[in-house]
Amino acid sequence: MTLQSYTNSQPSTSNGNGAARPRVERGRSVAHRKDSKAQRAAKAAAVYRGDVVYRPTRRELSFSYGVSAGMIDRARALSVEQRQAVAGGPAKLPPLNNGQGQLATERVLAIASAVEQAARH
């Protein structure tokens, strides 16, 4: 199988044996290019066919899967076996254990309290 990637709008190839690793196409770089719609369509078709390696950003994955970036981070922290268990069945992501979730909740409550007090005065 031949893999393609675009470098400065020109495709580069690799035979897949590791001799020349293709540049990974990232969503962020695609969004900032000044390609025409026809160029973007051709490149999207190459990704769709599997001719170009494409690595979506966390934000793109979050949108595509309908989950928050934080949930993706929690899943990334799991072992491969744990992620497979969660992906394959009723297992759930463990709660945040680093205290950040609690701190965020406390901040939101503090802000809400301050807004409520300001509204009363």
PDB file of N, CA and C in Angstrom:
ATOM      1  N   MET A   1       0.842  -1.183   0.000  1.00  0.00           N
ATOM      2  CA  MET A   1       0.000   0.000   0.000  1.00  0.00           C
ATOM      3  C   MET A   1       0.881   1.236   0.000  1.00  0.00           C
ATOM      4  N   THR A   2       0.506   2.212  -0.761  1.00  0.00           N
ATOM      5  CA  THR A   2       1.238   3.469  -0.830  1.00  0.00           C
ATOM      6  C   THR A   2       0.479   4.526  -0.050  1.00  0.00           C
ATOM      7  N   LEU A   3       1.167   5.214   0.831  1.00  0.00           N
ATOM      8  CA  LEU A   3       0.570   6.282   1.620  1.00  0.00           C
ATOM      9  C   LEU A   3       0.990   7.607   1.027  1.00  0.00           C
ATOM     10  N   GLN A   4       0.074   8.550   0.984  1.00  0.00           N
ATOM     11  CA  GLN A   4       0.390   9.877   0.487  1.00  0.00           C
ATOM     12  C   GLN A   4       0.125  10.909   1.558  1.00  0.00           C
ATOM     13  N   SER A   5       0.875  11.961   1.496  1.00  0.00           N
ATOM     14  CA  SER A   5       0.643  13.112   2.342  1.00  0.00           C
ATOM     15  C   SER A   5       0.946  14.334   1.513  1.00  0.00           C
ATOM     16  N   TYR A   6       0.409  15.476   1.878  1.00  0.00           N
ATOM     17  CA  TYR A   6       0.647  16.695   1.125  1.00  0.00           C
ATOM     18  C   TYR A   6       1.642  17.557   1.862  1.00  0.00           C
ATOM     19  N   THR A   7       2.696  17.939   1.168  1.00  0.00           N
ATOM     20  CA  THR A   7       3.677  18.864   1.690  1.00  0.00           C
ATOM     21  C   THR A   7       3.687  20.056   0.746  1.00  0.00           C
ATOM     22  N   ASN A   8       3.333  21.211   1.237  1.00  0.00           N
ATOM     23  CA  ASN A   8       3.227  22.406   0.400  1.00  0.00           C
ATOM     24  C   ASN A   8       2.364  22.151  -0.832  1.00  0.00           C
ATOM     25  N   SER A   9       1.226  21.526  -0.618  1.00  0.00           N
ATOM     26  CA  SER A   9       0.243  21.217  -1.650  1.00  0.00           C
ATOM     27  C   SER A   9       0.694  20.149  -2.634  1.00  0.00           C
ATOM     28  N   GLN A  10       1.853  19.549  -2.433  1.00  0.00           N
ATOM     29  CA  GLN A  10       2.326  18.475  -3.308  1.00  0.00           C
ATOM     30  C   GLN A  10       2.359  17.173  -2.516  1.00  0.00           C
ATOM     31  N   PRO A  11       1.821  16.079  -3.091  1.00  0.00           N
ATOM     32  CA  PRO A  11       1.828  14.821  -2.357  1.00  0.00           C
ATOM     33  C   PRO A  11       3.227  14.213  -2.290  1.00  0.00           C
ATOM     34  N   SER A  12       3.519  13.565  -1.172  1.00  0.00           N
ATOM     35  CA  SER A  12       4.735  12.778  -1.050  1.00  0.00           C
ATOM     36  C   SER A  12       4.289  11.359  -0.749  1.00  0.00           C
ATOM     37  N   THR A  13       5.092  10.383  -1.101  1.00  0.00           N
ATOM     38  CA  THR A  13       4.671   8.994  -0.954  1.00  0.00           C
ATOM     39  C   THR A  13       5.656   8.197  -0.130  1.00  0.00           C
ATOM     40  N   SER A  14       5.171   7.080   0.356  1.00  0.00           N
ATOM     41  CA  SER A  14       5.972   6.120   1.103  1.00  0.00           C
ATOM     42  C   SER A  14       5.426   4.750   0.774  1.00  0.00           C
ATOM     43  N   ASN A  15       6.283   3.759   0.747  1.00  0.00           N
ATOM     44  CA  ASN A  15       5.811   2.417   0.452  1.00  0.00           C
ATOM     45  C   ASN A  15       5.294   1.699   1.693  1.00  0.00           C
ATOM     46  N   GLY A  16       5.254   2.368   2.830  1.00  0.00           N
ATOM     47  CA  GLY A  16       4.695   1.801   4.040  1.00  0.00           C
ATOM     48  C   GLY A  16       5.663   0.959   4.847  1.00  0.00           C
ATOM     49  N   ASN A  17       6.907   0.797   4.381  1.00  0.00           N
ATOM     50  CA  ASN A  17       7.853  -0.027   5.130  1.00  0.00           C
ATOM     51  C   ASN A  17       8.706   0.780   6.086  1.00  0.00           C
ATOM     52  N   GLY A  18       8.382   2.035   6.270  1.00  0.00           N
ATOM     53  CA  GLY A  18       9.102   2.868   7.223  1.00  0.00           C
ATOM     54  C   GLY A  18      10.276   3.600   6.621  1.00  0.00           C
ATOM     55  N   ALA A  19      10.549   3.396   5.344  1.00  0.00           N
ATOM     56  CA  ALA A  19      11.691   4.043   4.721  1.00  0.00           C
ATOM     57  C   ALA A  19      11.536   5.563   4.712  1.00  0.00           C
ATOM     58  N   ALA A  20      10.370   6.049   4.379  1.00  0.00           N
ATOM     59  CA  ALA A  20      10.120   7.484   4.364  1.00  0.00           C
ATOM     60  C   ALA A  20       8.744   7.719   4.963  1.00  0.00           C
ATOM     61  N   ARG A  21       8.710   8.158   6.193  1.00  0.00           N
ATOM     62  CA  ARG A  21       7.419   8.382   6.853  1.00  0.00           C
ATOM     63  C   ARG A  21       6.723   9.574   6.232  1.00  0.00           C
ATOM     64  N   PRO A  22       5.449   9.417   5.902  1.00  0.00           N
ATOM     65  CA  PRO A  22       4.721  10.553   5.337  1.00  0.00           C
ATOM     66  C   PRO A  22       4.408  11.582   6.405  1.00  0.00           C
ATOM     67  N   ARG A  23       4.294  12.812   5.978  1.00  0.00           N
ATOM     68  CA  ARG A  23       3.870  13.882   6.872  1.00  0.00           C
ATOM     69  C   ARG A  23       2.417  13.632   7.248  1.00  0.00           C
ATOM     70  N   VAL A  24       2.109  13.776   8.501  1.00  0.00           N
ATOM     71  CA  VAL A  24       0.750  13.544   8.970  1.00  0.00           C
ATOM     72  C   VAL A  24      -0.076  14.796   8.731  1.00  0.00           C
ATOM     73  N   GLU A  25      -1.205  14.628   8.086  1.00  0.00           N
ATOM     74  CA  GLU A  25      -2.123  15.724   7.818  1.00  0.00           C
ATOM     75  C   GLU A  25      -2.932  15.991   9.081  1.00  0.00           C
ATOM     76  N   ARG A  26      -2.943  17.217   9.552  1.00  0.00           N
ATOM     77  CA  ARG A  26      -3.671  17.588  10.768  1.00  0.00           C
ATOM     78  C   ARG A  26      -4.800  18.536  10.407  1.00  0.00           C
ATOM     79  N   GLY A  27      -5.890  18.425  11.127  1.00  0.00           N
ATOM     80  CA  GLY A  27      -7.028  19.297  10.880  1.00  0.00           C
ATOM     81  C   GLY A  27      -6.688  20.759  11.027  1.00  0.00           C
ATOM     82  N   ARG A  28      -5.856  21.078  11.984  1.00  0.00           N
ATOM     83  CA  ARG A  28      -5.479  22.464  12.225  1.00  0.00           C
ATOM     84  C   ARG A  28      -4.763  23.053  11.016  1.00  0.00           C
ATOM     85  N   SER A  29      -3.847  22.277  10.428  1.00  0.00           N
ATOM     86  CA  SER A  29      -3.107  22.785   9.278  1.00  0.00           C
ATOM     87  C   SER A  29      -4.022  22.922   8.065  1.00  0.00           C
ATOM     88  N   VAL A  30      -4.972  22.005   7.911  1.00  0.00           N
ATOM     89  CA  VAL A  30      -5.916  22.074   6.798  1.00  0.00           C
ATOM     90  C   VAL A  30      -6.749  23.341   6.897  1.00  0.00           C
ATOM     91  N   ALA A  31      -7.208  23.655   8.083  1.00  0.00           N
ATOM     92  CA  ALA A  31      -8.082  24.813   8.286  1.00  0.00           C
ATOM     93  C   ALA A  31      -7.384  26.138   7.979  1.00  0.00           C
ATOM     94  N   HIS A  32      -6.067  26.197   8.150  1.00  0.00           N
ATOM     95  CA  HIS A  32      -5.343  27.452   7.978  1.00  0.00           C
ATOM     96  C   HIS A  32      -4.751  27.641   6.588  1.00  0.00           C
ATOM     97  N   ARG A  33      -4.852  26.634   5.748  1.00  0.00           N
ATOM     98  CA  ARG A  33      -4.327  26.774   4.388  1.00  0.00           C
ATOM     99  C   ARG A  33      -5.230  27.673   3.565  1.00  0.00           C
ATOM    100  N   LYS A  34      -4.669  28.228   2.523  1.00  0.00           N
ATOM    101  CA  LYS A  34      -5.435  29.090   1.629  1.00  0.00           C
ATOM    102  C   LYS A  34      -5.726  28.347   0.325  1.00  0.00           C
ATOM    103  N   ASP A  35      -6.081  27.057   0.436  1.00  0.00           N
ATOM    104  CA  ASP A  35      -6.409  26.256  -0.738  1.00  0.00           C
ATOM    105  C   ASP A  35      -7.783  26.641  -1.266  1.00  0.00           C
ATOM    106  N   SER A  36      -7.969  26.424  -2.563  1.00  0.00           N
ATOM    107  CA  SER A  36      -9.289  26.644  -3.154  1.00  0.00           C
ATOM    108  C   SER A  36     -10.206  25.500  -2.707  1.00  0.00           C
ATOM    109  N   LYS A  37     -11.503  25.667  -2.935  1.00  0.00           N
ATOM    110  CA  LYS A  37     -12.442  24.604  -2.585  1.00  0.00           C
ATOM    111  C   LYS A  37     -12.138  23.336  -3.368  1.00  0.00           C
ATOM    112  N   ALA A  38     -11.750  23.482  -4.622  1.00  0.00           N
ATOM    113  CA  ALA A  38     -11.419  22.315  -5.445  1.00  0.00           C
ATOM    114  C   ALA A  38     -10.211  21.577  -4.856  1.00  0.00           C
ATOM    115  N   GLN A  39      -9.197  22.325  -4.415  1.00  0.00           N
ATOM    116  CA  GLN A  39      -8.023  21.703  -3.798  1.00  0.00           C
ATOM    117  C   GLN A  39      -8.409  20.983  -2.512  1.00  0.00           C
ATOM    118  N   ARG A  40      -9.237  21.639  -1.680  1.00  0.00           N
ATOM    119  CA  ARG A  40      -9.671  21.006  -0.427  1.00  0.00           C
ATOM    120  C   ARG A  40     -10.484  19.756  -0.702  1.00  0.00           C
ATOM    121  N   ALA A  41     -11.349  19.795  -1.722  1.00  0.00           N
ATOM    122  CA  ALA A  41     -12.154  18.620  -2.060  1.00  0.00           C
ATOM    123  C   ALA A  41     -11.271  17.468  -2.518  1.00  0.00           C
ATOM    124  N   ALA A  42     -10.262  17.758  -3.343  1.00  0.00           N
ATOM    125  CA  ALA A  42      -9.358  16.708  -3.825  1.00  0.00           C
ATOM    126  C   ALA A  42      -8.569  16.101  -2.667  1.00  0.00           C
ATOM    127  N   LYS A  43      -8.125  16.951  -1.756  1.00  0.00           N
ATOM    128  CA  LYS A  43      -7.369  16.455  -0.602  1.00  0.00           C
ATOM    129  C   LYS A  43      -8.263  15.667   0.347  1.00  0.00           C
ATOM    130  N   ALA A  44      -9.510  16.123   0.526  1.00  0.00           N
ATOM    131  CA  ALA A  44     -10.458  15.388   1.366  1.00  0.00           C
ATOM    132  C   ALA A  44     -10.757  14.020   0.755  1.00  0.00           C
ATOM    133  N   ALA A  45     -10.867  13.971  -0.575  1.00  0.00           N
ATOM    134  CA  ALA A  45     -11.103  12.691  -1.249  1.00  0.00           C
ATOM    135  C   ALA A  45      -9.929  11.741  -1.038  1.00  0.00           C
ATOM    136  N   ALA A  46      -8.720  12.282  -1.056  1.00  0.00           N
ATOM    137  CA  ALA A  46      -7.535  11.446  -0.819  1.00  0.00           C
ATOM    138  C   ALA A  46      -7.537  10.886   0.602  1.00  0.00           C
ATOM    139  N   VAL A  47      -7.965  11.698   1.563  1.00  0.00           N
ATOM    140  CA  VAL A  47      -8.069  11.224   2.945  1.00  0.00           C
ATOM    141  C   VAL A  47      -9.152  10.160   3.037  1.00  0.00           C
ATOM    142  N   TYR A  48     -10.300  10.428   2.423  1.00  0.00           N
ATOM    143  CA  TYR A  48     -11.430   9.498   2.466  1.00  0.00           C
ATOM    144  C   TYR A  48     -11.057   8.141   1.871  1.00  0.00           C
ATOM    145  N   ARG A  49     -10.297   8.153   0.791  1.00  0.00           N
ATOM    146  CA  ARG A  49      -9.872   6.902   0.150  1.00  0.00           C
ATOM    147  C   ARG A  49      -8.782   6.186   0.945  1.00  0.00           C
ATOM    148  N   GLY A  50      -8.163   6.884   1.865  1.00  0.00           N
ATOM    149  CA  GLY A  50      -7.087   6.282   2.634  1.00  0.00           C
ATOM    150  C   GLY A  50      -5.717   6.485   2.015  1.00  0.00           C
ATOM    151  N   ASP A  51      -5.640   7.347   1.004  1.00  0.00           N
ATOM    152  CA  ASP A  51      -4.367   7.616   0.334  1.00  0.00           C
ATOM    153  C   ASP A  51      -3.480   8.557   1.136  1.00  0.00           C
ATOM    154  N   VAL A  52      -4.075   9.340   2.028  1.00  0.00           N
ATOM    155  CA  VAL A  52      -3.344  10.317   2.828  1.00  0.00           C
ATOM    156  C   VAL A  52      -3.582  10.011   4.300  1.00  0.00           C
ATOM    157  N   VAL A  53      -2.526  10.056   5.084  1.00  0.00           N
ATOM    158  CA  VAL A  53      -2.636   9.857   6.522  1.00  0.00           C
ATOM    159  C   VAL A  53      -3.219  11.134   7.123  1.00  0.00           C
ATOM    160  N   TYR A  54      -4.258  10.996   7.901  1.00  0.00           N
ATOM    161  CA  TYR A  54      -4.904  12.157   8.499  1.00  0.00           C
ATOM    162  C   TYR A  54      -5.086  11.906   9.986  1.00  0.00           C
ATOM    163  N   ARG A  55      -4.640  12.842  10.782  1.00  0.00           N
ATOM    164  CA  ARG A  55      -4.779  12.733  12.228  1.00  0.00           C
ATOM    165  C   ARG A  55      -5.624  13.896  12.722  1.00  0.00           C
ATOM    166  N   PRO A  56      -6.877  13.607  13.124  1.00  0.00           N
ATOM    167  CA  PRO A  56      -7.738  14.698  13.583  1.00  0.00           C
ATOM    168  C   PRO A  56      -7.254  15.281  14.909  1.00  0.00           C
ATOM    169  N   THR A  57      -7.593  16.528  15.126  1.00  0.00           N
ATOM    170  CA  THR A  57      -7.272  17.167  16.397  1.00  0.00           C
ATOM    171  C   THR A  57      -8.241  16.662  17.468  1.00  0.00           C
ATOM    172  N   ARG A  58      -7.916  16.940  18.699  1.00  0.00           N
ATOM    173  CA  ARG A  58      -8.790  16.550  19.811  1.00  0.00           C
ATOM    174  C   ARG A  58     -10.147  17.221  19.677  1.00  0.00           C
ATOM    175  N   ARG A  59     -10.163  18.464  19.240  1.00  0.00           N
ATOM    176  CA  ARG A  59     -11.417  19.192  19.068  1.00  0.00           C
ATOM    177  C   ARG A  59     -12.273  18.527  17.987  1.00  0.00           C
ATOM    178  N   GLU A  60     -11.661  18.115  16.889  1.00  0.00           N
ATOM    179  CA  GLU A  60     -12.404  17.428  15.828  1.00  0.00           C
ATOM    180  C   GLU A  60     -12.974  16.107  16.325  1.00  0.00           C
ATOM    181  N   LEU A  61     -12.171  15.370  17.076  1.00  0.00           N
ATOM    182  CA  LEU A  61     -12.651  14.106  17.634  1.00  0.00           C
ATOM    183  C   LEU A  61     -13.795  14.348  18.607  1.00  0.00           C
ATOM    184  N   SER A  62     -13.649  15.376  19.414  1.00  0.00           N
ATOM    185  CA  SER A  62     -14.691  15.717  20.371  1.00  0.00           C
ATOM    186  C   SER A  62     -16.004  15.995  19.655  1.00  0.00           C
ATOM    187  N   PHE A  63     -15.949  16.764  18.578  1.00  0.00           N
ATOM    188  CA  PHE A  63     -17.145  17.089  17.803  1.00  0.00           C
ATOM    189  C   PHE A  63     -17.712  15.840  17.128  1.00  0.00           C
ATOM    190  N   SER A  64     -16.843  15.069  16.493  1.00  0.00           N
ATOM    191  CA  SER A  64     -17.290  13.885  15.742  1.00  0.00           C
ATOM    192  C   SER A  64     -17.946  12.837  16.634  1.00  0.00           C
ATOM    193  N   TYR A  65     -17.396  12.644  17.817  1.00  0.00           N
ATOM    194  CA  TYR A  65     -17.916  11.617  18.718  1.00  0.00           C
ATOM    195  C   TYR A  65     -18.935  12.151  19.721  1.00  0.00           C
ATOM    196  N   GLY A  66     -19.114  13.453  19.750  1.00  0.00           N
ATOM    197  CA  GLY A  66     -20.108  14.035  20.644  1.00  0.00           C
ATOM    198  C   GLY A  66     -19.743  13.934  22.115  1.00  0.00           C
ATOM    199  N   VAL A  67     -18.453  14.072  22.417  1.00  0.00           N
ATOM    200  CA  VAL A  67     -17.978  14.034  23.800  1.00  0.00           C
ATOM    201  C   VAL A  67     -17.089  15.249  24.042  1.00  0.00           C
ATOM    202  N   SER A  68     -16.835  15.538  25.298  1.00  0.00           N
ATOM    203  CA  SER A  68     -15.974  16.680  25.610  1.00  0.00           C
ATOM    204  C   SER A  68     -14.503  16.292  25.466  1.00  0.00           C
ATOM    205  N   ALA A  69     -13.671  17.304  25.302  1.00  0.00           N
ATOM    206  CA  ALA A  69     -12.228  17.066  25.238  1.00  0.00           C
ATOM    207  C   ALA A  69     -11.737  16.469  26.553  1.00  0.00           C
ATOM    208  N   GLY A  70     -12.357  16.870  27.665  1.00  0.00           N
ATOM    209  CA  GLY A  70     -11.985  16.316  28.973  1.00  0.00           C
ATOM    210  C   GLY A  70     -12.253  14.821  29.061  1.00  0.00           C
ATOM    211  N   MET A  71     -13.362  14.386  28.474  1.00  0.00           N
ATOM    212  CA  MET A  71     -13.647  12.950  28.476  1.00  0.00           C
ATOM    213  C   MET A  71     -12.605  12.190  27.654  1.00  0.00           C
ATOM    214  N   ILE A  72     -12.181  12.786  26.546  1.00  0.00           N
ATOM    215  CA  ILE A  72     -11.129  12.155  25.738  1.00  0.00           C
ATOM    216  C   ILE A  72      -9.857  12.052  26.565  1.00  0.00           C
ATOM    217  N   ASP A  73      -9.521  13.102  27.289  1.00  0.00           N
ATOM    218  CA  ASP A  73      -8.323  13.079  28.137  1.00  0.00           C
ATOM    219  C   ASP A  73      -8.426  11.990  29.206  1.00  0.00           C
ATOM    220  N   ARG A  74      -9.601  11.853  29.811  1.00  0.00           N
ATOM    221  CA  ARG A  74      -9.791  10.806  30.825  1.00  0.00           C
ATOM    222  C   ARG A  74      -9.613   9.429  30.203  1.00  0.00           C
ATOM    223  N   ALA A  75     -10.140   9.236  29.011  1.00  0.00           N
ATOM    224  CA  ALA A  75      -9.999   7.944  28.341  1.00  0.00           C
ATOM    225  C   ALA A  75      -8.545   7.685  27.947  1.00  0.00           C
ATOM    226  N   ARG A  76      -7.834   8.727  27.550  1.00  0.00           N
ATOM    227  CA  ARG A  76      -6.414   8.574  27.186  1.00  0.00           C
ATOM    228  C   ARG A  76      -5.583   8.126  28.377  1.00  0.00           C
ATOM    229  N   ALA A  77      -5.992   8.507  29.574  1.00  0.00           N
ATOM    230  CA  ALA A  77      -5.239   8.154  30.781  1.00  0.00           C
ATOM    231  C   ALA A  77      -5.394   6.679  31.149  1.00  0.00           C
ATOM    232  N   LEU A  78      -6.378   6.001  30.567  1.00  0.00           N
ATOM    233  CA  LEU A  78      -6.601   4.582  30.867  1.00  0.00           C
ATOM    234  C   LEU A  78      -5.599   3.705  30.143  1.00  0.00           C
ATOM    235  N   SER A  79      -5.436   2.493  30.631  1.00  0.00           N
ATOM    236  CA  SER A  79      -4.607   1.520  29.919  1.00  0.00           C
ATOM    237  C   SER A  79      -5.365   1.069  28.677  1.00  0.00           C
ATOM    238  N   VAL A  80      -4.683   0.423  27.763  1.00  0.00           N
ATOM    239  CA  VAL A  80      -5.322  -0.077  26.543  1.00  0.00           C
ATOM    240  C   VAL A  80      -6.472  -1.011  26.901  1.00  0.00           C
ATOM    241  N   GLU A  81      -6.249  -1.894  27.868  1.00  0.00           N
ATOM    242  CA  GLU A  81      -7.282  -2.850  28.271  1.00  0.00           C
ATOM    243  C   GLU A  81      -8.504  -2.139  28.849  1.00  0.00           C
ATOM    244  N   GLN A  82      -8.254  -1.114  29.665  1.00  0.00           N
ATOM    245  CA  GLN A  82      -9.357  -0.363  30.256  1.00  0.00           C
ATOM    246  C   GLN A  82     -10.155   0.376  29.179  1.00  0.00           C
ATOM    247  N   ARG A  83      -9.442   0.989  28.201  1.00  0.00           N
ATOM    248  CA  ARG A  83     -10.144   1.683  27.109  1.00  0.00           C
ATOM    249  C   ARG A  83     -10.980   0.706  26.296  1.00  0.00           C
ATOM    250  N   GLN A  84     -10.444  -0.483  26.048  1.00  0.00           N
ATOM    251  CA  GLN A  84     -11.199  -1.490  25.300  1.00  0.00           C
ATOM    252  C   GLN A  84     -12.448  -1.905  26.061  1.00  0.00           C
ATOM    253  N   ALA A  85     -12.336  -2.034  27.377  1.00  0.00           N
ATOM    254  CA  ALA A  85     -13.494  -2.410  28.191  1.00  0.00           C
ATOM    255  C   ALA A  85     -14.568  -1.327  28.145  1.00  0.00           C
ATOM    256  N   VAL A  86     -14.160  -0.080  28.218  1.00  0.00           N
ATOM    257  CA  VAL A  86     -15.113   1.026  28.173  1.00  0.00           C
ATOM    258  C   VAL A  86     -15.738   1.097  26.775  1.00  0.00           C
ATOM    259  N   ALA A  87     -14.919   0.976  25.739  1.00  0.00           N
ATOM    260  CA  ALA A  87     -15.416   1.087  24.362  1.00  0.00           C
ATOM    261  C   ALA A  87     -16.342  -0.072  23.994  1.00  0.00           C
ATOM    262  N   GLY A  88     -16.105  -1.231  24.587  1.00  0.00           N
ATOM    263  CA  GLY A  88     -16.854  -2.414  24.180  1.00  0.00           C
ATOM    264  C   GLY A  88     -18.096  -2.732  24.981  1.00  0.00           C
ATOM    265  N   GLY A  89     -18.350  -2.021  26.038  1.00  0.00           N
ATOM    266  CA  GLY A  89     -19.501  -2.442  26.818  1.00  0.00           C
ATOM    267  C   GLY A  89     -19.930  -1.478  27.889  1.00  0.00           C
ATOM    268  N   PRO A  90     -20.510  -2.030  28.923  1.00  0.00           N
ATOM    269  CA  PRO A  90     -21.123  -1.188  29.946  1.00  0.00           C
ATOM    270  C   PRO A  90     -20.139  -0.512  30.897  1.00  0.00           C
ATOM    271  N   ALA A  91     -18.853  -0.801  30.779  1.00  0.00           N
ATOM    272  CA  ALA A  91     -17.876  -0.156  31.663  1.00  0.00           C
ATOM    273  C   ALA A  91     -17.909   1.349  31.425  1.00  0.00           C
ATOM    274  N   LYS A  92     -17.648   2.112  32.470  1.00  0.00           N
ATOM    275  CA  LYS A  92     -17.690   3.578  32.376  1.00  0.00           C
ATOM    276  C   LYS A  92     -16.316   4.156  32.653  1.00  0.00           C
ATOM    277  N   LEU A  93     -16.135   5.386  32.198  1.00  0.00           N
ATOM    278  CA  LEU A  93     -14.899   6.092  32.526  1.00  0.00           C
ATOM    279  C   LEU A  93     -14.878   6.354  34.018  1.00  0.00           C
ATOM    280  N   PRO A  94     -13.736   6.159  34.653  1.00  0.00           N
ATOM    281  CA  PRO A  94     -13.663   6.465  36.083  1.00  0.00           C
ATOM    282  C   PRO A  94     -13.758   7.970  36.300  1.00  0.00           C
ATOM    283  N   PRO A  95     -14.234   8.372  37.467  1.00  0.00           N
ATOM    284  CA  PRO A  95     -14.311   9.816  37.750  1.00  0.00           C
ATOM    285  C   PRO A  95     -12.917  10.414  37.844  1.00  0.00           C
ATOM    286  N   LEU A  96     -12.845  11.720  37.687  1.00  0.00           N
ATOM    287  CA  LEU A  96     -11.557  12.394  37.844  1.00  0.00           C
ATOM    288  C   LEU A  96     -11.037  12.159  39.248  1.00  0.00           C
ATOM    289  N   ASN A  97      -9.785  11.768  39.352  1.00  0.00           N
ATOM    290  CA  ASN A  97      -9.231  11.524  40.678  1.00  0.00           C
ATOM    291  C   ASN A  97      -8.115  12.498  41.015  1.00  0.00           C
ATOM    292  N   ASN A  98      -7.919  13.480  40.156  1.00  0.00           N
ATOM    293  CA  ASN A  98      -6.845  14.437  40.421  1.00  0.00           C
ATOM    294  C   ASN A  98      -7.343  15.715  41.076  1.00  0.00           C
ATOM    295  N   GLY A  99      -8.624  15.765  41.402  1.00  0.00           N
ATOM    296  CA  GLY A  99      -9.169  16.915  42.091  1.00  0.00           C
ATOM    297  C   GLY A  99      -9.557  18.064  41.189  1.00  0.00           C
ATOM    298  N   GLN A 100      -9.216  18.011  39.917  1.00  0.00           N
ATOM    299  CA  GLN A 100      -9.529  19.126  39.022  1.00  0.00           C
ATOM    300  C   GLN A 100     -11.030  19.285  38.846  1.00  0.00           C
ATOM    301  N   GLY A 101     -11.755  18.179  38.770  1.00  0.00           N
ATOM    302  CA  GLY A 101     -13.207  18.257  38.628  1.00  0.00           C
ATOM    303  C   GLY A 101     -13.838  18.956  39.814  1.00  0.00           C
ATOM    304  N   GLN A 102     -13.365  18.634  41.004  1.00  0.00           N
ATOM    305  CA  GLN A 102     -13.883  19.257  42.220  1.00  0.00           C
ATOM    306  C   GLN A 102     -13.541  20.743  42.240  1.00  0.00           C
ATOM    307  N   LEU A 103     -12.309  21.091  41.830  1.00  0.00           N
ATOM    308  CA  LEU A 103     -11.918  22.492  41.810  1.00  0.00           C
ATOM    309  C   LEU A 103     -12.766  23.276  40.820  1.00  0.00           C
ATOM    310  N   ALA A 104     -13.021  22.700  39.667  1.00  0.00           N
ATOM    311  CA  ALA A 104     -13.844  23.383  38.664  1.00  0.00           C
ATOM    312  C   ALA A 104     -15.256  23.604  39.195  1.00  0.00           C
ATOM    313  N   THR A 105     -15.809  22.606  39.851  1.00  0.00           N
ATOM    314  CA  THR A 105     -17.148  22.735  40.421  1.00  0.00           C
ATOM    315  C   THR A 105     -17.174  23.832  41.473  1.00  0.00           C
ATOM    316  N   GLU A 106     -16.165  23.856  42.316  1.00  0.00           N
ATOM    317  CA  GLU A 106     -16.095  24.884  43.355  1.00  0.00           C
ATOM    318  C   GLU A 106     -15.979  26.280  42.747  1.00  0.00           C
ATOM    319  N   ARG A 107     -15.218  26.415  41.651  1.00  0.00           N
ATOM    320  CA  ARG A 107     -15.087  27.716  40.988  1.00  0.00           C
ATOM    321  C   ARG A 107     -16.420  28.164  40.408  1.00  0.00           C
ATOM    322  N   VAL A 108     -17.120  27.243  39.754  1.00  0.00           N
ATOM    323  CA  VAL A 108     -18.416  27.577  39.168  1.00  0.00           C
ATOM    324  C   VAL A 108     -19.377  28.019  40.263  1.00  0.00           C
ATOM    325  N   LEU A 109     -19.403  27.289  41.367  1.00  0.00           N
ATOM    326  CA  LEU A 109     -20.292  27.655  42.470  1.00  0.00           C
ATOM    327  C   LEU A 109     -19.920  29.014  43.062  1.00  0.00           C
ATOM    328  N   ALA A 110     -18.628  29.295  43.168  1.00  0.00           N
ATOM    329  CA  ALA A 110     -18.183  30.584  43.704  1.00  0.00           C
ATOM    330  C   ALA A 110     -18.592  31.725  42.775  1.00  0.00           C
ATOM    331  N   ILE A 111     -18.451  31.509  41.473  1.00  0.00           N
ATOM    332  CA  ILE A 111     -18.854  32.537  40.503  1.00  0.00           C
ATOM    333  C   ILE A 111     -20.362  32.747  40.554  1.00  0.00           C
ATOM    334  N   ALA A 112     -21.116  31.651  40.607  1.00  0.00           N
ATOM    335  CA  ALA A 112     -22.575  31.753  40.675  1.00  0.00           C
ATOM    336  C   ALA A 112     -23.004  32.502  41.937  1.00  0.00           C
ATOM    337  N   SER A 113     -22.339  32.221  43.034  1.00  0.00           N
ATOM    338  CA  SER A 113     -22.647  32.899  44.281  1.00  0.00           C
ATOM    339  C   SER A 113     -22.354  34.390  44.173  1.00  0.00           C
ATOM    340  N   ALA A 114     -21.225  34.742  43.575  1.00  0.00           N
ATOM    341  CA  ALA A 114     -20.856  36.146  43.422  1.00  0.00           C
ATOM    342  C   ALA A 114     -21.856  36.876  42.509  1.00  0.00           C
ATOM    343  N   VAL A 115     -22.293  36.221  41.452  1.00  0.00           N
ATOM    344  CA  VAL A 115     -23.274  36.822  40.546  1.00  0.00           C
ATOM    345  C   VAL A 115     -24.584  37.033  41.278  1.00  0.00           C
ATOM    346  N   GLU A 116     -24.988  36.036  42.048  1.00  0.00           N
ATOM    347  CA  GLU A 116     -26.249  36.130  42.806  1.00  0.00           C
ATOM    348  C   GLU A 116     -26.175  37.277  43.809  1.00  0.00           C
ATOM    349  N   GLN A 117     -25.054  37.391  44.519  1.00  0.00           N
ATOM    350  CA  GLN A 117     -24.902  38.478  45.495  1.00  0.00           C
ATOM    351  C   GLN A 117     -24.902  39.840  44.816  1.00  0.00           C
ATOM    352  N   ALA A 118     -24.259  39.935  43.674  1.00  0.00           N
ATOM    353  CA  ALA A 118     -24.210  41.206  42.939  1.00  0.00           C
ATOM    354  C   ALA A 118     -25.605  41.602  42.464  1.00  0.00           C
ATOM    355  N   ALA A 119     -26.399  40.611  42.084  1.00  0.00           N
ATOM    356  CA  ALA A 119     -27.770  40.887  41.617  1.00  0.00           C
ATOM    357  C   ALA A 119     -28.642  41.393  42.754  1.00  0.00           C
ATOM    358  N   ARG A 120     -28.353  40.978  43.978  1.00  0.00           N
ATOM    359  CA  ARG A 120     -29.159  41.400  45.136  1.00  0.00           C
ATOM    360  C   ARG A 120     -28.861  42.853  45.518  1.00  0.00           C
ATOM    361  N   HIS A 121     -27.674  43.319  45.220  1.00  0.00           N
ATOM    362  CA  HIS A 121     -27.255  44.675  45.666  1.00  0.00           C
ATOM    363  C   HIS A 121     -27.529  45.688  44.636  1.00  0.00           C
TER     364      HIS A 121
END
